[in-house]
N, C-alpha and C. Protein backbone atom coordinates (compact mmCIF):
# COMPACT_ATOMS: atom_id res chain seq x y z
N UNK A 1 92.60 131.12 101.80
CA UNK A 1 91.92 132.41 101.88
C UNK A 1 92.69 133.46 101.08
N UNK A 2 92.05 134.09 100.12
CA UNK A 2 92.75 135.04 99.27
C UNK A 2 93.03 136.35 100.01
N UNK A 3 94.11 137.01 99.60
CA UNK A 3 94.48 138.29 100.16
C UNK A 3 94.59 139.32 99.04
N UNK A 4 94.29 140.57 99.38
CA UNK A 4 94.35 141.67 98.41
C UNK A 4 95.22 142.80 98.94
N UNK A 5 96.22 142.46 99.71
CA UNK A 5 97.11 143.47 100.27
C UNK A 5 97.79 144.26 99.16
N UNK A 6 97.91 145.57 99.37
CA UNK A 6 98.56 146.47 98.42
C UNK A 6 97.85 146.56 97.08
N UNK A 7 96.57 146.22 97.07
CA UNK A 7 95.76 146.34 95.86
C UNK A 7 94.74 147.45 96.03
N UNK A 8 94.50 148.19 94.96
CA UNK A 8 93.48 149.23 94.95
C UNK A 8 92.27 148.73 94.17
N UNK A 9 91.11 148.72 94.81
CA UNK A 9 89.88 148.22 94.19
C UNK A 9 88.87 149.34 94.04
N UNK A 10 88.29 149.44 92.86
CA UNK A 10 87.23 150.40 92.58
C UNK A 10 85.94 149.62 92.36
N UNK A 11 84.91 149.94 93.14
CA UNK A 11 83.65 149.20 93.08
C UNK A 11 82.52 150.19 92.86
N UNK A 12 81.79 150.04 91.76
CA UNK A 12 80.66 150.92 91.49
C UNK A 12 79.39 150.35 92.13
N UNK A 13 78.46 151.22 92.47
CA UNK A 13 77.24 150.77 93.12
C UNK A 13 77.54 150.10 94.45
N UNK A 14 78.55 150.61 95.15
CA UNK A 14 79.02 149.96 96.38
C UNK A 14 78.35 150.49 97.64
N UNK A 15 77.35 151.35 97.48
CA UNK A 15 76.69 151.93 98.64
C UNK A 15 75.66 151.03 99.29
N UNK A 16 75.32 149.91 98.65
CA UNK A 16 74.33 149.00 99.22
C UNK A 16 74.40 147.65 98.51
N UNK A 17 73.68 146.69 99.04
CA UNK A 17 73.49 145.40 98.38
C UNK A 17 74.77 144.65 98.06
N UNK A 18 74.81 144.10 96.85
CA UNK A 18 75.95 143.29 96.42
C UNK A 18 77.24 144.10 96.44
N UNK A 19 77.18 145.33 95.94
CA UNK A 19 78.38 146.17 95.92
C UNK A 19 78.93 146.42 97.31
N UNK A 20 78.04 146.64 98.26
CA UNK A 20 78.46 146.84 99.66
C UNK A 20 79.16 145.60 100.19
N UNK A 21 78.58 144.44 99.93
CA UNK A 21 79.16 143.19 100.42
C UNK A 21 80.55 142.96 99.82
N UNK A 22 80.71 143.28 98.53
CA UNK A 22 82.01 143.13 97.88
C UNK A 22 83.02 144.09 98.50
N UNK A 23 82.60 145.33 98.71
CA UNK A 23 83.50 146.33 99.29
C UNK A 23 83.98 145.91 100.68
N UNK A 24 83.07 145.44 101.51
CA UNK A 24 83.43 145.02 102.87
C UNK A 24 84.38 143.83 102.84
N UNK A 25 84.12 142.88 101.95
CA UNK A 25 84.98 141.69 101.86
C UNK A 25 86.37 142.05 101.35
N UNK A 26 86.43 142.84 100.28
CA UNK A 26 87.73 143.21 99.72
C UNK A 26 88.57 143.98 100.74
N UNK A 27 87.92 144.87 101.49
CA UNK A 27 88.64 145.62 102.52
C UNK A 27 89.17 144.68 103.60
N UNK A 28 88.34 143.73 103.99
CA UNK A 28 88.76 142.76 105.02
C UNK A 28 89.94 141.92 104.55
N UNK A 29 90.03 141.74 103.23
CA UNK A 29 91.13 140.96 102.66
C UNK A 29 92.36 141.82 102.36
N UNK A 30 92.29 143.11 102.72
CA UNK A 30 93.48 143.94 102.64
C UNK A 30 93.52 144.98 101.56
N UNK A 31 92.50 145.05 100.70
CA UNK A 31 92.50 146.02 99.61
C UNK A 31 92.17 147.42 100.12
N UNK A 32 92.71 148.42 99.43
CA UNK A 32 92.26 149.80 99.60
C UNK A 32 91.06 149.99 98.68
N UNK A 33 89.91 150.28 99.24
CA UNK A 33 88.66 150.25 98.48
C UNK A 33 88.13 151.65 98.20
N UNK A 34 87.80 151.89 96.95
CA UNK A 34 87.12 153.11 96.55
C UNK A 34 85.66 152.77 96.29
N UNK A 35 84.80 153.35 97.10
CA UNK A 35 83.36 153.11 97.05
C UNK A 35 82.72 154.16 96.16
N UNK A 36 82.21 153.75 95.00
CA UNK A 36 81.55 154.67 94.07
C UNK A 36 80.05 154.44 94.11
N UNK A 37 79.29 155.51 94.24
CA UNK A 37 77.84 155.39 94.28
C UNK A 37 77.21 156.77 94.11
N UNK A 38 75.96 156.79 93.65
CA UNK A 38 75.19 158.03 93.61
C UNK A 38 74.65 158.37 94.99
N UNK A 39 74.46 157.34 95.81
CA UNK A 39 73.91 157.50 97.15
C UNK A 39 75.04 157.85 98.12
N UNK A 40 75.18 159.14 98.40
CA UNK A 40 76.29 159.58 99.24
C UNK A 40 76.18 159.04 100.66
N UNK A 41 74.97 159.03 101.21
CA UNK A 41 74.79 158.53 102.57
C UNK A 41 75.16 157.06 102.67
N UNK A 42 74.63 156.27 101.74
CA UNK A 42 74.94 154.84 101.76
C UNK A 42 76.41 154.57 101.55
N UNK A 43 77.02 155.30 100.60
CA UNK A 43 78.43 155.10 100.33
C UNK A 43 79.31 155.44 101.51
N UNK A 44 78.99 156.54 102.18
CA UNK A 44 79.80 156.94 103.34
C UNK A 44 79.60 155.98 104.51
N UNK A 45 78.42 155.39 104.62
CA UNK A 45 78.20 154.39 105.66
C UNK A 45 79.07 153.15 105.43
N UNK A 46 79.22 152.77 104.17
CA UNK A 46 80.09 151.63 103.84
C UNK A 46 81.53 151.95 104.19
N UNK A 47 81.98 153.15 103.82
CA UNK A 47 83.34 153.58 104.15
C UNK A 47 83.55 153.57 105.67
N UNK A 48 82.58 154.08 106.40
CA UNK A 48 82.70 154.12 107.86
C UNK A 48 82.81 152.72 108.45
N UNK A 49 82.03 151.78 107.90
CA UNK A 49 82.09 150.40 108.39
C UNK A 49 83.45 149.78 108.12
N UNK A 50 84.01 150.08 106.96
CA UNK A 50 85.33 149.54 106.62
C UNK A 50 86.41 150.12 107.53
N UNK A 51 86.37 151.43 107.71
CA UNK A 51 87.38 152.09 108.55
C UNK A 51 87.28 151.62 110.00
N UNK A 52 86.05 151.46 110.48
CA UNK A 52 85.84 151.00 111.86
C UNK A 52 86.43 149.61 112.06
N UNK A 53 86.43 148.82 110.97
CA UNK A 53 86.97 147.46 111.04
C UNK A 53 88.47 147.42 110.78
N UNK A 54 89.07 148.61 110.63
CA UNK A 54 90.52 148.67 110.45
C UNK A 54 90.98 148.72 109.01
N UNK A 55 90.04 148.84 108.08
CA UNK A 55 90.40 148.88 106.67
C UNK A 55 90.58 150.29 106.14
N UNK A 56 90.86 150.37 104.85
CA UNK A 56 91.05 151.65 104.17
C UNK A 56 90.02 151.78 103.06
N UNK A 57 89.27 152.89 103.07
CA UNK A 57 88.25 153.10 102.06
C UNK A 57 88.01 154.58 101.85
N UNK A 58 87.62 154.92 100.64
CA UNK A 58 87.31 156.31 100.27
C UNK A 58 86.03 156.31 99.46
N UNK A 59 85.15 157.27 99.74
CA UNK A 59 83.92 157.39 98.97
C UNK A 59 84.09 158.40 97.85
N UNK A 60 83.56 158.06 96.67
CA UNK A 60 83.53 158.97 95.54
C UNK A 60 82.11 158.96 94.95
N UNK A 61 81.46 160.10 94.99
CA UNK A 61 80.14 160.18 94.37
C UNK A 61 80.30 160.19 92.86
N UNK A 62 79.58 159.31 92.18
CA UNK A 62 79.78 159.19 90.74
C UNK A 62 78.54 158.63 90.06
N UNK A 63 78.09 159.30 89.02
CA UNK A 63 77.03 158.80 88.15
C UNK A 63 77.72 158.11 86.98
N UNK A 64 77.71 156.79 86.97
CA UNK A 64 78.48 156.05 85.97
C UNK A 64 77.99 156.29 84.55
N UNK A 65 76.76 156.79 84.39
CA UNK A 65 76.23 157.03 83.05
C UNK A 65 76.77 158.31 82.42
N UNK A 66 77.48 159.12 83.21
CA UNK A 66 78.04 160.38 82.71
C UNK A 66 79.55 160.21 82.56
N UNK A 67 80.02 160.18 81.32
CA UNK A 67 81.43 159.87 81.08
C UNK A 67 82.37 160.87 81.73
N UNK A 68 82.02 162.14 81.72
CA UNK A 68 82.89 163.16 82.31
C UNK A 68 83.09 162.91 83.81
N UNK A 69 82.02 162.50 84.50
CA UNK A 69 82.14 162.20 85.93
C UNK A 69 83.06 161.01 86.16
N UNK A 70 82.84 159.96 85.37
CA UNK A 70 83.67 158.76 85.51
C UNK A 70 85.13 159.08 85.24
N UNK A 71 85.38 159.86 84.20
CA UNK A 71 86.75 160.23 83.86
C UNK A 71 87.42 160.98 85.01
N UNK A 72 86.72 161.95 85.57
CA UNK A 72 87.29 162.73 86.67
C UNK A 72 87.58 161.87 87.90
N UNK A 73 86.63 161.00 88.23
CA UNK A 73 86.79 160.14 89.41
C UNK A 73 87.94 159.16 89.21
N UNK A 74 87.98 158.50 88.06
CA UNK A 74 89.03 157.51 87.79
C UNK A 74 90.41 158.17 87.79
N UNK A 75 90.50 159.33 87.16
CA UNK A 75 91.80 160.03 87.12
C UNK A 75 92.25 160.44 88.52
N UNK A 76 91.30 160.86 89.36
CA UNK A 76 91.67 161.25 90.72
C UNK A 76 92.13 160.05 91.54
N UNK A 77 91.47 158.90 91.33
CA UNK A 77 91.88 157.68 92.04
C UNK A 77 93.26 157.23 91.58
N UNK A 78 93.48 157.24 90.27
CA UNK A 78 94.77 156.81 89.73
C UNK A 78 95.89 157.73 90.22
N UNK A 79 95.58 159.01 90.33
CA UNK A 79 96.58 159.97 90.81
C UNK A 79 96.91 159.73 92.28
N UNK A 80 95.87 159.53 93.08
CA UNK A 80 96.07 159.37 94.52
C UNK A 80 96.63 158.00 94.90
N UNK A 81 96.13 156.96 94.23
CA UNK A 81 96.52 155.59 94.59
C UNK A 81 97.74 155.10 93.81
N UNK A 82 97.98 155.69 92.66
CA UNK A 82 99.11 155.27 91.83
C UNK A 82 98.78 154.18 90.84
N UNK A 83 97.72 153.41 91.11
CA UNK A 83 97.31 152.32 90.22
C UNK A 83 95.90 151.89 90.59
N UNK A 84 95.24 151.22 89.65
CA UNK A 84 93.95 150.57 89.92
C UNK A 84 94.13 149.11 89.54
N UNK A 85 94.06 148.24 90.53
CA UNK A 85 94.30 146.81 90.30
C UNK A 85 93.02 146.02 90.06
N UNK A 86 91.91 146.51 90.61
CA UNK A 86 90.64 145.78 90.53
C UNK A 86 89.52 146.76 90.22
N UNK A 87 88.68 146.40 89.25
CA UNK A 87 87.46 147.16 88.95
C UNK A 87 86.28 146.21 89.02
N UNK A 88 85.28 146.56 89.80
CA UNK A 88 84.03 145.80 89.84
C UNK A 88 82.92 146.70 89.33
N UNK A 89 82.41 146.39 88.14
CA UNK A 89 81.30 147.14 87.55
C UNK A 89 79.99 146.54 88.06
N UNK A 90 79.55 147.06 89.19
CA UNK A 90 78.37 146.51 89.86
C UNK A 90 77.13 147.39 89.73
N UNK A 91 77.30 148.69 89.50
CA UNK A 91 76.15 149.60 89.43
C UNK A 91 75.18 149.18 88.33
N UNK A 92 73.90 149.18 88.66
CA UNK A 92 72.89 148.82 87.67
C UNK A 92 71.49 149.10 88.19
N UNK A 93 70.55 149.16 87.26
CA UNK A 93 69.14 149.37 87.61
C UNK A 93 68.28 148.35 86.88
N UNK A 94 67.05 148.18 87.36
CA UNK A 94 66.16 147.16 86.80
C UNK A 94 64.89 147.81 86.23
N UNK A 95 64.10 146.98 85.57
CA UNK A 95 62.85 147.45 84.98
C UNK A 95 61.94 146.26 84.75
N UNK A 96 60.64 146.45 85.01
CA UNK A 96 59.64 145.41 84.75
C UNK A 96 58.89 145.77 83.48
N UNK A 97 58.79 144.83 82.56
CA UNK A 97 58.01 145.07 81.35
C UNK A 97 58.54 144.28 80.18
N UNK A 98 57.59 143.80 79.34
CA UNK A 98 58.00 143.15 78.10
C UNK A 98 58.31 144.22 77.05
N UNK A 99 58.53 143.82 75.82
CA UNK A 99 58.88 144.76 74.76
C UNK A 99 57.86 145.89 74.63
N UNK A 100 56.57 145.53 74.60
CA UNK A 100 55.53 146.53 74.39
C UNK A 100 55.36 147.47 75.58
N UNK A 101 55.76 147.01 76.75
CA UNK A 101 55.61 147.83 77.95
C UNK A 101 56.91 148.56 78.32
N UNK A 102 57.86 148.54 77.40
CA UNK A 102 59.11 149.27 77.61
C UNK A 102 59.12 150.47 76.68
N UNK A 103 58.89 151.66 77.23
CA UNK A 103 58.88 152.84 76.37
C UNK A 103 60.31 153.35 76.17
N UNK A 104 60.43 154.36 75.32
CA UNK A 104 61.76 154.85 74.96
C UNK A 104 62.52 155.39 76.17
N UNK A 105 61.79 156.05 77.07
CA UNK A 105 62.45 156.61 78.26
C UNK A 105 63.01 155.50 79.14
N UNK A 106 62.25 154.42 79.32
CA UNK A 106 62.73 153.28 80.10
C UNK A 106 63.97 152.67 79.43
N UNK A 107 63.87 152.48 78.12
CA UNK A 107 64.97 151.88 77.35
C UNK A 107 66.25 152.71 77.50
N UNK A 108 66.10 154.02 77.32
CA UNK A 108 67.26 154.91 77.40
C UNK A 108 67.86 154.93 78.81
N UNK A 109 66.99 154.90 79.82
CA UNK A 109 67.45 154.94 81.21
C UNK A 109 68.27 153.70 81.55
N UNK A 110 67.79 152.54 81.14
CA UNK A 110 68.52 151.30 81.43
C UNK A 110 69.81 151.18 80.64
N UNK A 111 69.78 151.57 79.37
CA UNK A 111 71.02 151.49 78.59
C UNK A 111 72.06 152.48 79.12
N UNK A 112 71.60 153.63 79.61
CA UNK A 112 72.53 154.65 80.12
C UNK A 112 73.33 154.13 81.31
N UNK A 113 72.65 153.43 82.22
CA UNK A 113 73.33 152.94 83.43
C UNK A 113 73.97 151.57 83.20
N UNK A 114 73.19 150.63 82.69
CA UNK A 114 73.64 149.24 82.63
C UNK A 114 74.62 148.95 81.51
N UNK A 115 74.54 149.71 80.42
CA UNK A 115 75.47 149.50 79.31
C UNK A 115 76.51 150.62 79.25
N UNK A 116 76.04 151.86 79.10
CA UNK A 116 77.00 152.95 78.99
C UNK A 116 77.80 153.12 80.27
N UNK A 117 77.17 152.86 81.41
CA UNK A 117 77.89 152.97 82.67
C UNK A 117 79.06 152.01 82.75
N UNK A 118 78.85 150.78 82.30
CA UNK A 118 79.93 149.79 82.27
C UNK A 118 80.99 150.21 81.26
N UNK A 119 80.54 150.63 80.08
CA UNK A 119 81.47 151.11 79.06
C UNK A 119 82.33 152.26 79.58
N UNK A 120 81.69 153.24 80.21
CA UNK A 120 82.43 154.41 80.71
C UNK A 120 83.55 154.00 81.67
N UNK A 121 83.22 153.10 82.58
CA UNK A 121 84.23 152.66 83.56
C UNK A 121 85.34 151.86 82.90
N UNK A 122 84.98 150.97 81.99
CA UNK A 122 85.99 150.22 81.26
C UNK A 122 86.89 151.16 80.46
N UNK A 123 86.28 152.11 79.79
CA UNK A 123 87.00 153.03 78.91
C UNK A 123 88.04 153.84 79.67
N UNK A 124 87.73 154.20 80.91
CA UNK A 124 88.65 155.02 81.70
C UNK A 124 89.64 154.20 82.52
N UNK A 125 89.22 153.03 82.98
CA UNK A 125 90.09 152.24 83.86
C UNK A 125 91.09 151.39 83.09
N UNK A 126 90.70 150.83 81.96
CA UNK A 126 91.60 149.94 81.22
C UNK A 126 92.94 150.61 80.89
N UNK A 127 92.97 151.85 80.40
CA UNK A 127 94.28 152.48 80.14
C UNK A 127 95.15 152.59 81.39
N UNK A 128 94.53 152.78 82.54
CA UNK A 128 95.28 152.82 83.80
C UNK A 128 95.83 151.43 84.13
N UNK A 129 95.00 150.41 83.94
CA UNK A 129 95.41 149.04 84.25
C UNK A 129 96.52 148.54 83.32
N UNK A 130 96.59 149.05 82.12
CA UNK A 130 97.61 148.59 81.17
C UNK A 130 99.02 148.81 81.70
N UNK A 131 99.17 149.71 82.64
CA UNK A 131 100.50 150.02 83.19
C UNK A 131 101.01 148.91 84.12
N UNK A 132 100.09 148.24 84.81
CA UNK A 132 100.54 147.23 85.78
C UNK A 132 99.67 145.99 85.82
N UNK A 133 98.71 145.88 84.89
CA UNK A 133 97.81 144.73 84.88
C UNK A 133 96.68 144.90 85.88
N UNK A 134 95.70 144.02 85.80
CA UNK A 134 94.59 144.13 86.74
C UNK A 134 93.50 143.12 86.45
N UNK A 135 92.46 143.21 87.25
CA UNK A 135 91.31 142.30 87.15
C UNK A 135 90.03 143.11 87.09
N UNK A 136 89.17 142.76 86.15
CA UNK A 136 87.86 143.42 86.01
C UNK A 136 86.77 142.37 86.21
N UNK A 137 85.80 142.70 87.03
CA UNK A 137 84.62 141.85 87.20
C UNK A 137 83.39 142.68 86.87
N UNK A 138 82.66 142.26 85.85
CA UNK A 138 81.43 142.92 85.46
C UNK A 138 80.24 142.14 86.00
N UNK A 139 79.28 142.83 86.56
CA UNK A 139 78.10 142.17 87.11
C UNK A 139 77.04 142.06 86.02
N UNK A 140 76.85 140.85 85.51
CA UNK A 140 75.80 140.59 84.53
C UNK A 140 74.58 140.06 85.28
N UNK A 141 73.92 139.06 84.75
CA UNK A 141 72.74 138.49 85.41
C UNK A 141 72.35 137.21 84.71
N UNK A 142 71.70 136.33 85.43
CA UNK A 142 71.14 135.14 84.79
C UNK A 142 70.17 135.54 83.69
N UNK A 143 69.61 136.75 83.80
CA UNK A 143 68.69 137.25 82.77
C UNK A 143 69.37 137.49 81.43
N UNK A 144 70.70 137.52 81.42
CA UNK A 144 71.42 137.76 80.17
C UNK A 144 71.37 136.56 79.24
N UNK A 145 71.13 135.38 79.79
CA UNK A 145 71.14 134.16 78.97
C UNK A 145 69.87 133.32 79.10
N UNK A 146 69.03 133.66 80.07
CA UNK A 146 67.79 132.91 80.28
C UNK A 146 66.60 133.84 80.07
N UNK A 147 65.64 133.41 79.31
CA UNK A 147 64.46 134.25 79.08
C UNK A 147 63.62 134.38 80.34
N UNK A 148 63.58 135.58 80.92
CA UNK A 148 62.77 135.84 82.11
C UNK A 148 61.60 136.72 81.71
N UNK A 149 60.38 136.32 81.98
CA UNK A 149 59.21 137.12 81.57
C UNK A 149 59.24 138.54 82.12
N UNK A 150 58.82 139.49 81.31
CA UNK A 150 58.68 140.89 81.72
C UNK A 150 60.00 141.53 82.15
N UNK A 151 61.08 141.14 81.53
CA UNK A 151 62.39 141.75 81.84
C UNK A 151 63.13 142.08 80.55
N UNK A 152 62.40 142.57 79.54
CA UNK A 152 63.00 142.80 78.22
C UNK A 152 64.23 143.70 78.28
N UNK A 153 64.06 144.92 78.78
CA UNK A 153 65.17 145.88 78.76
C UNK A 153 66.31 145.45 79.68
N UNK A 154 65.96 144.96 80.85
CA UNK A 154 66.99 144.52 81.79
C UNK A 154 67.81 143.37 81.20
N UNK A 155 67.12 142.38 80.63
CA UNK A 155 67.82 141.24 80.03
C UNK A 155 68.73 141.68 78.90
N UNK A 156 68.23 142.60 78.08
CA UNK A 156 69.01 143.10 76.95
C UNK A 156 70.29 143.78 77.42
N UNK A 157 70.17 144.61 78.45
CA UNK A 157 71.36 145.33 78.91
C UNK A 157 72.38 144.39 79.55
N UNK A 158 71.90 143.39 80.26
CA UNK A 158 72.83 142.47 80.90
C UNK A 158 73.49 141.54 79.87
N UNK A 159 72.80 141.25 78.77
CA UNK A 159 73.43 140.50 77.68
C UNK A 159 74.56 141.33 77.07
N UNK A 160 74.35 142.64 76.99
CA UNK A 160 75.40 143.52 76.48
C UNK A 160 76.63 143.50 77.39
N UNK A 161 76.40 143.39 78.69
CA UNK A 161 77.52 143.30 79.64
C UNK A 161 78.36 142.06 79.36
N UNK A 162 77.69 140.95 79.07
CA UNK A 162 78.42 139.72 78.73
C UNK A 162 79.25 139.93 77.48
N UNK A 163 78.67 140.58 76.47
CA UNK A 163 79.40 140.85 75.23
C UNK A 163 80.61 141.73 75.46
N UNK A 164 80.45 142.78 76.26
CA UNK A 164 81.59 143.65 76.56
C UNK A 164 82.68 142.89 77.31
N UNK A 165 82.26 142.03 78.22
CA UNK A 165 83.22 141.24 79.00
C UNK A 165 84.07 140.38 78.09
N UNK A 166 83.44 139.67 77.18
CA UNK A 166 84.17 138.79 76.26
C UNK A 166 85.13 139.58 75.38
N UNK A 167 84.69 140.73 74.90
CA UNK A 167 85.54 141.55 74.03
C UNK A 167 86.76 142.07 74.77
N UNK A 168 86.54 142.62 75.96
CA UNK A 168 87.66 143.15 76.74
C UNK A 168 88.62 142.03 77.14
N UNK A 169 88.07 140.88 77.50
CA UNK A 169 88.92 139.75 77.89
C UNK A 169 89.84 139.35 76.74
N UNK A 170 89.31 139.28 75.54
CA UNK A 170 90.11 138.90 74.36
C UNK A 170 91.12 139.97 74.00
N UNK A 171 90.69 141.22 74.05
CA UNK A 171 91.53 142.33 73.57
C UNK A 171 92.69 142.68 74.50
N UNK A 172 92.53 142.40 75.81
CA UNK A 172 93.52 142.92 76.76
C UNK A 172 94.22 141.86 77.60
N UNK A 173 94.02 140.59 77.29
CA UNK A 173 94.68 139.55 78.07
C UNK A 173 96.20 139.66 77.97
N UNK A 174 96.70 140.07 76.79
CA UNK A 174 98.15 140.20 76.62
C UNK A 174 98.70 141.43 77.34
N UNK A 175 97.81 142.30 77.78
CA UNK A 175 98.22 143.48 78.56
C UNK A 175 98.22 143.18 80.06
N UNK A 176 97.95 141.92 80.39
CA UNK A 176 97.92 141.54 81.80
C UNK A 176 96.62 141.88 82.50
N UNK A 177 95.55 142.05 81.71
CA UNK A 177 94.24 142.39 82.28
C UNK A 177 93.29 141.22 82.07
N UNK A 178 92.73 140.71 83.15
CA UNK A 178 91.72 139.66 83.08
C UNK A 178 90.34 140.29 83.27
N UNK A 179 89.40 139.87 82.46
CA UNK A 179 88.04 140.42 82.54
C UNK A 179 87.03 139.28 82.54
N UNK A 180 86.23 139.23 83.58
CA UNK A 180 85.21 138.19 83.72
C UNK A 180 83.90 138.82 84.17
N UNK A 181 82.83 138.06 84.09
CA UNK A 181 81.56 138.55 84.61
C UNK A 181 80.92 137.50 85.51
N UNK A 182 80.06 137.98 86.37
CA UNK A 182 79.26 137.13 87.25
C UNK A 182 77.80 137.30 86.84
N UNK A 183 77.07 136.19 86.77
CA UNK A 183 75.67 136.26 86.37
C UNK A 183 74.79 135.69 87.48
N UNK A 184 74.56 136.48 88.54
CA UNK A 184 73.77 135.98 89.67
C UNK A 184 72.28 135.91 89.36
N UNK A 185 71.58 135.10 90.12
CA UNK A 185 70.13 135.13 90.11
C UNK A 185 69.67 136.23 91.06
N UNK A 186 68.43 136.15 91.51
CA UNK A 186 67.94 137.19 92.41
C UNK A 186 68.60 137.08 93.78
N UNK A 187 69.10 138.22 94.26
CA UNK A 187 69.73 138.30 95.57
C UNK A 187 68.91 139.26 96.42
N UNK A 188 68.61 138.86 97.66
CA UNK A 188 67.75 139.69 98.51
C UNK A 188 68.55 140.86 99.07
N UNK A 189 68.38 142.01 98.47
CA UNK A 189 69.08 143.24 98.87
C UNK A 189 68.05 144.36 99.05
N UNK A 190 68.45 145.49 99.65
CA UNK A 190 67.54 146.63 99.74
C UNK A 190 67.04 147.09 98.38
N UNK A 191 67.87 146.94 97.34
CA UNK A 191 67.45 147.28 95.98
C UNK A 191 66.25 146.45 95.56
N UNK A 192 66.30 145.15 95.85
CA UNK A 192 65.19 144.26 95.49
C UNK A 192 63.93 144.62 96.28
N UNK A 193 64.09 144.93 97.57
CA UNK A 193 62.94 145.33 98.38
C UNK A 193 62.26 146.57 97.80
N UNK A 194 63.06 147.55 97.41
CA UNK A 194 62.50 148.76 96.81
C UNK A 194 61.85 148.49 95.48
N UNK A 195 62.47 147.62 94.70
CA UNK A 195 61.94 147.24 93.39
C UNK A 195 60.58 146.57 93.53
N UNK A 196 60.46 145.65 94.48
CA UNK A 196 59.19 144.95 94.70
C UNK A 196 58.12 145.90 95.22
N UNK A 197 58.48 146.78 96.14
CA UNK A 197 57.51 147.73 96.70
C UNK A 197 56.96 148.65 95.62
N UNK A 198 57.82 149.04 94.68
CA UNK A 198 57.39 149.95 93.62
C UNK A 198 56.51 149.26 92.59
N UNK A 199 56.89 148.04 92.22
CA UNK A 199 56.21 147.37 91.11
C UNK A 199 55.12 146.39 91.54
N UNK A 200 55.18 145.91 92.80
CA UNK A 200 54.18 144.96 93.28
C UNK A 200 53.71 145.34 94.68
N UNK A 201 53.15 146.52 94.86
CA UNK A 201 52.72 146.96 96.20
C UNK A 201 51.69 146.01 96.80
N UNK A 202 51.95 145.61 98.04
CA UNK A 202 51.05 144.69 98.72
C UNK A 202 51.30 143.24 98.40
N UNK A 203 52.17 142.97 97.43
CA UNK A 203 52.46 141.59 97.02
C UNK A 203 53.94 141.26 97.16
N UNK A 204 54.65 142.03 97.98
CA UNK A 204 56.10 141.90 98.02
C UNK A 204 56.56 140.47 98.36
N UNK A 205 56.03 139.91 99.44
CA UNK A 205 56.48 138.58 99.87
C UNK A 205 56.15 137.53 98.82
N UNK A 206 54.94 137.60 98.29
CA UNK A 206 54.51 136.64 97.28
C UNK A 206 55.39 136.72 96.03
N UNK A 207 55.65 137.94 95.57
CA UNK A 207 56.42 138.11 94.34
C UNK A 207 57.90 137.78 94.55
N UNK A 208 58.41 138.02 95.76
CA UNK A 208 59.80 137.65 96.01
C UNK A 208 59.98 136.14 95.86
N UNK A 209 59.05 135.38 96.43
CA UNK A 209 59.12 133.92 96.31
C UNK A 209 58.94 133.49 94.86
N UNK A 210 58.03 134.13 94.17
CA UNK A 210 57.73 133.75 92.78
C UNK A 210 58.90 134.05 91.86
N UNK A 211 59.57 135.17 92.10
CA UNK A 211 60.64 135.60 91.20
C UNK A 211 62.01 135.04 91.58
N UNK A 212 62.11 134.43 92.75
CA UNK A 212 63.41 133.92 93.20
C UNK A 212 63.77 132.63 92.46
């Protein structure tokens, strides 16, 4: 059983779903967890659950697509904690539509969160990690390498995450920084429930089975 005692972990999109599960597990394994999310209520609920279980956690509201916000949050964490040992780039959004059904606004929205958001966090955290080494986990998707119908923009952004992961892994391994990505399939989270309700009203159960 792995332990993360005396490690500081920063997890984006940790207010629900996969990010929440990672935050709870890392805290249980001994890490001091920084929960980053736009959803203040959800993020604080995660922190409360960790603290109630005897762990250490702090919530930071952060829009990962805004570099200035990420910079301020990362610098405050580095100042307070002294180091950042683990970064999990989990924050992301989805979209339904093929190329023709993806307008510029959709494209820009997904690239802002799924690509620029990951870049922003890497850009600010890596210099901190260079001081003592660390581990980065980027959340990609099976959609990054497998053609999934009606997921043009989402697949494109997750493929970019894989590319960033490989580049950072090569560039910083000698600095004591390991960078990997996870490419999960569909996971049943509140995010998925909301996604199905918005895009397939009245067909949620059917579409969940079809898309799983």
